[in-house]
Amino acid sequence: MAAKATGFPYTLTITLPLPSIHLASSALRTLEVDTELSPFVQRDFELVAPSASSETETQKMEIEEGEKSVLKTTYRATTNRMLRVAVNGFMESLGVVLGVMQELDVDVLEMDQSHEE
């Protein structure tokens, strides 16, 4: 993998399925604002379709934009400790974002349910 060649041998990918593209893109925009503080850690975000989590890049490009409701976050770090510290911070931020969505985005959740009926 290219990450090993560039000095970031420790990687972790977190996939978070959300109920809608709206919530997934809101989470992405909120979380990507905070850059990684350490130069020893790199993070990338991507929205993918639920079934595309394990598919190839070519297959992912064929999926409609409206189907991408999974937030995929990939971390790369120089050491396992740096990876753990970065991911712990990310999980705290993610908990806050999901808590706010649960409390304040009720109308969007209700709208998603009405479209399913």
Protein backbone atom coordinates (compact mmCIF):
# COMPACT_ATOMS: atom_id res chain seq x y z
CA MET A 1 0.00 0.00 0.00
CA ALA A 2 1.20 3.55 -0.72
CA ALA A 3 0.82 4.58 2.93
CA LYS A 4 3.73 2.32 3.95
CA ALA A 5 5.98 3.86 1.31
CA THR A 6 5.28 7.37 2.54
CA GLY A 7 6.09 6.68 6.20
CA PHE A 8 2.56 6.15 7.49
CA PRO A 9 2.44 2.36 8.04
CA TYR A 10 -0.39 2.31 10.60
CA THR A 11 -3.87 2.67 9.12
CA LEU A 12 -7.46 2.43 10.28
CA THR A 13 -10.66 2.86 8.28
CA ILE A 14 -13.91 3.69 10.07
CA THR A 15 -17.21 3.39 8.20
CA LEU A 16 -20.27 5.00 9.73
CA PRO A 17 -23.63 4.33 8.04
CA LEU A 18 -26.12 7.17 8.48
CA PRO A 19 -29.84 7.29 7.63
CA SER A 20 -29.49 9.75 4.72
CA ILE A 21 -27.08 11.53 2.42
CA HIS A 22 -28.04 14.77 4.17
CA LEU A 23 -26.88 13.53 7.57
CA ALA A 24 -23.75 11.90 6.12
CA SER A 25 -22.68 15.08 4.31
CA SER A 26 -23.47 17.19 7.38
CA ALA A 27 -21.26 14.95 9.50
CA LEU A 28 -18.47 15.12 6.92
CA ARG A 29 -18.59 18.92 6.66
CA THR A 30 -18.62 19.27 10.44
CA LEU A 31 -15.75 16.87 11.12
CA GLU A 32 -13.45 17.93 8.29
CA VAL A 33 -13.19 21.47 9.67
CA ASP A 34 -10.84 20.28 12.42
CA THR A 35 -7.51 19.42 10.87
CA GLU A 36 -5.16 16.92 12.44
CA LEU A 37 -2.82 18.67 14.88
CA SER A 38 0.06 16.27 14.39
CA PRO A 39 2.12 16.05 11.20
CA PHE A 40 2.48 12.35 12.04
CA VAL A 41 -1.20 11.66 11.32
CA GLN A 42 -3.18 11.97 8.08
CA ARG A 43 -6.95 11.69 7.76
CA ASP A 44 -9.22 11.43 4.72
CA PHE A 45 -13.00 11.57 4.53
CA GLU A 46 -15.21 10.12 1.82
CA LEU A 47 -18.93 9.49 1.36
CA VAL A 48 -19.70 6.05 -0.05
CA ALA A 49 -22.79 3.96 -0.65
CA PRO A 50 -23.59 1.34 1.98
CA SER A 51 -22.70 -1.51 -0.37
CA ALA A 52 -19.58 0.28 -1.66
CA SER A 53 -17.62 0.02 1.57
CA SER A 54 -15.63 -2.94 0.26
CA GLU A 55 -15.87 -2.37 -3.49
CA THR A 56 -13.16 -1.17 -5.86
CA GLU A 57 -12.62 2.50 -6.72
CA THR A 58 -14.09 1.99 -10.22
CA GLN A 59 -17.27 0.51 -8.81
CA LYS A 60 -17.57 3.36 -6.28
CA MET A 61 -17.47 5.97 -9.06
CA GLU A 62 -20.46 4.31 -10.75
CA ILE A 63 -22.71 4.73 -7.69
CA GLU A 64 -25.16 7.61 -7.71
CA GLU A 65 -24.32 10.57 -5.46
CA GLY A 66 -27.70 10.30 -3.70
CA GLU A 67 -26.89 6.81 -2.44
CA LYS A 68 -23.74 7.82 -0.55
CA SER A 69 -24.92 7.75 3.06
CA VAL A 70 -21.85 6.12 4.67
CA LEU A 71 -19.12 8.34 6.09
CA LYS A 72 -15.79 6.61 5.51
CA THR A 73 -12.82 7.96 7.46
CA THR A 74 -9.30 6.68 6.87
CA TYR A 75 -6.50 7.41 9.31
CA ARG A 76 -2.79 6.90 8.62
CA ALA A 77 -0.07 7.44 11.22
CA THR A 78 3.63 6.96 11.77
CA THR A 79 3.15 5.00 15.02
CA ASN A 80 0.37 2.96 16.54
CA ARG A 81 0.27 5.38 19.51
CA MET A 82 -0.27 8.38 17.23
CA LEU A 83 -3.03 6.48 15.46
CA ARG A 84 -4.74 5.62 18.76
CA VAL A 85 -4.57 9.21 20.06
CA ALA A 86 -5.93 10.65 16.81
CA VAL A 87 -8.77 8.13 16.58
CA ASN A 88 -9.71 8.70 20.24
CA GLY A 89 -10.07 12.42 19.54
CA PHE A 90 -12.08 11.69 16.41
CA MET A 91 -14.45 9.41 18.32
CA GLU A 92 -15.10 12.15 20.88
CA SER A 93 -15.88 14.64 18.11
CA LEU A 94 -18.05 12.10 16.32
CA GLY A 95 -20.00 11.49 19.52
CA VAL A 96 -20.73 15.21 19.80
CA VAL A 97 -21.80 15.46 16.14
CA LEU A 98 -24.14 12.45 16.41
CA GLY A 99 -25.56 13.77 19.70
CA VAL A 100 -26.36 17.12 18.10
CA MET A 101 -27.94 15.40 15.11
CA GLN A 102 -30.09 13.33 17.42
CA GLU A 103 -31.25 16.35 19.42
CA LEU A 104 -31.56 19.06 16.75
CA ASP A 105 -32.09 17.40 13.40
CA VAL A 106 -35.42 15.77 14.30
CA ASP A 107 -37.21 17.29 11.32
CA VAL A 108 -34.75 15.70 8.89
CA LEU A 109 -35.14 12.30 10.52
CA GLU A 110 -38.94 12.63 10.31
CA MET A 111 -38.66 13.68 6.66
CA ASP A 112 -36.56 10.59 5.88
CA GLN A 113 -39.19 8.34 7.46
CA SER A 114 -41.99 9.91 5.43
CA HIS A 115 -40.07 9.22 2.20
CA GLU A 116 -39.76 5.55 3.09
CA GLU A 117 -43.54 5.07 3.43
